[in-house]
Each structure stands twice: as structure tokens, then as C-alpha cells.
């Protein structure tokens, strides 16, 4: 069963290309965690009055029957000026959290 994916754009216009990048990364997460129930990805461009470059924040909320993994990558000066890089970094962090949770989970022998 494919888990539902919800993509939200906040403070910026929706981009089909960024959404495609999100969906591609999501497919990898689904393979890592087939028990995934749902996923919400929010990409935000907070208002920055004194900066010329746009910065992007990405939040990934992965829901499972037994819990959740939430990854939030907030903009830092000089970083995440590219929406694709922000999405990639957030999904990399989500993959690391999933792998860490799997390796620390008790195993039944």
C-alpha cells in the first residue's frame, strides 16, 4: 500500500519541479519504511526583509501506526538558498533518523 503524501508550499508559489523532487525522495523513504502511514512535507520561504536571497525551510512529518518522525530544517544565513538542496538535506536527515531508529530498536530472537 502506498502511503499518502501531502506537499504544502508556504510563502511561495507551488513548483511542480520541486514537488517532483519531493516525490522522488519520498519514494526512497517508502522503500525504507513500508509501514509508513502518511507523510506531510512543507516547504516554506520565511519573510526576510533584510536579505536579497530567498531561504527555504523544509519540514517532513512521517507518521507510523506506532509513532512519528519529524524533521525540520530551518534556514540559516548562507544555507538553503536553493529549494532542491533544502529538500535533499531534509530527506537525508529523515533517512538518517529512520536508520538510527531501526538500528536501536530491540530485536526479538
Protein backbone atom coordinates (compact mmCIF):
# COMPACT_ATOMS: atom_id res chain seq x y z
CA UNK A 1 0.00 0.00 0.00
CA UNK A 2 1.34 3.40 -0.93
CA UNK A 3 1.30 5.93 1.91
CA UNK A 4 -0.39 9.24 1.11
CA UNK A 5 1.94 12.19 0.54
CA UNK A 6 0.83 15.75 1.16
CA UNK A 7 3.02 18.58 -0.15
CA UNK A 8 2.46 22.13 1.09
CA UNK A 9 4.09 25.34 -0.11
CA UNK A 10 4.03 28.24 2.34
CA UNK A 11 5.04 31.82 1.45
CA UNK A 12 5.99 30.76 -2.08
CA UNK A 13 4.26 29.64 -5.23
CA UNK A 14 3.89 25.89 -5.77
CA UNK A 15 6.57 24.48 -8.06
CA UNK A 16 5.90 21.28 -10.00
CA UNK A 17 9.65 20.66 -10.29
CA UNK A 18 10.24 20.97 -6.53
CA UNK A 19 7.20 18.76 -5.92
CA UNK A 20 8.70 16.15 -8.26
CA UNK A 21 11.95 16.25 -6.26
CA UNK A 22 9.92 15.76 -3.06
CA UNK A 23 8.03 12.81 -4.57
CA UNK A 24 11.28 11.18 -5.75
CA UNK A 25 12.79 11.46 -2.26
CA UNK A 26 9.55 10.23 -0.72
CA UNK A 27 9.67 7.03 -2.80
CA UNK A 28 13.06 6.23 -1.24
CA UNK A 29 11.64 6.80 2.26
CA UNK A 30 8.71 4.49 1.42
CA UNK A 31 11.13 1.72 0.49
CA UNK A 32 13.00 2.19 3.78
CA UNK A 33 9.80 2.24 5.83
CA UNK A 34 7.00 0.22 4.24
CA UNK A 35 4.96 0.61 7.45
CA UNK A 36 4.64 4.35 6.76
CA UNK A 37 1.05 5.58 7.14
CA UNK A 38 1.37 9.15 5.84
CA UNK A 39 3.84 11.90 5.04
CA UNK A 40 3.43 15.67 5.03
CA UNK A 41 6.17 17.85 3.55
CA UNK A 42 6.03 21.61 3.99
CA UNK A 43 8.44 23.90 2.18
CA UNK A 44 8.47 27.45 3.44
CA UNK A 45 10.21 30.65 2.49
CA UNK A 46 10.06 32.77 5.63
CA UNK A 47 9.86 36.51 5.14
CA UNK A 48 13.32 38.06 5.12
CA UNK A 49 13.18 41.83 4.79
CA UNK A 50 16.93 42.48 5.00
CA UNK A 51 18.14 39.69 2.76
CA UNK A 52 18.04 39.51 -1.00
CA UNK A 53 18.34 35.73 -1.32
CA UNK A 54 15.41 33.50 -0.51
CA UNK A 55 15.99 30.90 2.16
CA UNK A 56 13.95 27.72 2.39
CA UNK A 57 12.79 25.74 5.40
CA UNK A 58 11.55 22.18 4.98
CA UNK A 59 9.55 20.14 7.49
CA UNK A 60 8.89 16.45 6.94
CA UNK A 61 6.29 14.76 9.15
CA UNK A 62 6.36 10.96 8.76
CA UNK A 63 3.54 9.09 10.54
CA UNK A 64 3.55 5.44 11.52
CA UNK A 65 0.97 3.38 13.41
CA UNK A 66 3.35 3.31 16.39
CA UNK A 67 4.75 6.86 16.28
CA UNK A 68 6.20 9.62 14.15
CA UNK A 69 9.44 11.05 12.83
CA UNK A 70 9.52 14.79 12.30
CA UNK A 71 12.44 16.50 10.60
CA UNK A 72 12.67 20.26 10.43
CA UNK A 73 15.40 22.08 8.56
CA UNK A 74 15.24 25.81 9.23
CA UNK A 75 17.05 28.36 7.10
CA UNK A 76 20.47 29.53 8.20
CA UNK A 77 22.24 32.54 6.72
CA UNK A 78 24.10 31.38 3.61
CA UNK A 79 22.42 27.96 3.53
CA UNK A 80 19.32 26.53 1.90
CA UNK A 81 19.24 29.22 -0.78
CA UNK A 82 18.19 26.52 -3.24
CA UNK A 83 14.85 24.77 -2.70
CA UNK A 84 16.21 21.50 -4.12
CA UNK A 85 19.16 21.50 -1.70
CA UNK A 86 16.83 22.23 1.21
CA UNK A 87 14.56 19.32 0.21
CA UNK A 88 17.53 16.97 -0.27
CA UNK A 89 19.04 17.89 3.10
CA UNK A 90 15.73 17.41 4.92
CA UNK A 91 15.14 13.99 3.35
CA UNK A 92 18.75 12.98 4.11
CA UNK A 93 18.10 13.84 7.76
CA UNK A 94 14.84 11.84 7.71
CA UNK A 95 16.66 8.82 6.26
CA UNK A 96 19.33 9.07 8.97
CA UNK A 97 16.67 9.23 11.69
CA UNK A 98 14.86 6.21 10.25
CA UNK A 99 18.09 4.20 10.00
CA UNK A 100 19.07 5.19 13.54
CA UNK A 101 15.65 4.22 14.89
CA UNK A 102 15.86 0.85 13.13
CA UNK A 103 19.34 0.08 14.43
CA UNK A 104 18.42 0.96 18.03
CA UNK A 105 15.12 -0.94 18.05
CA UNK A 106 15.13 -4.09 20.17
CA UNK A 107 15.29 -7.30 18.18
CA UNK A 108 13.34 -10.41 19.02
CA UNK A 109 15.43 -13.57 18.69
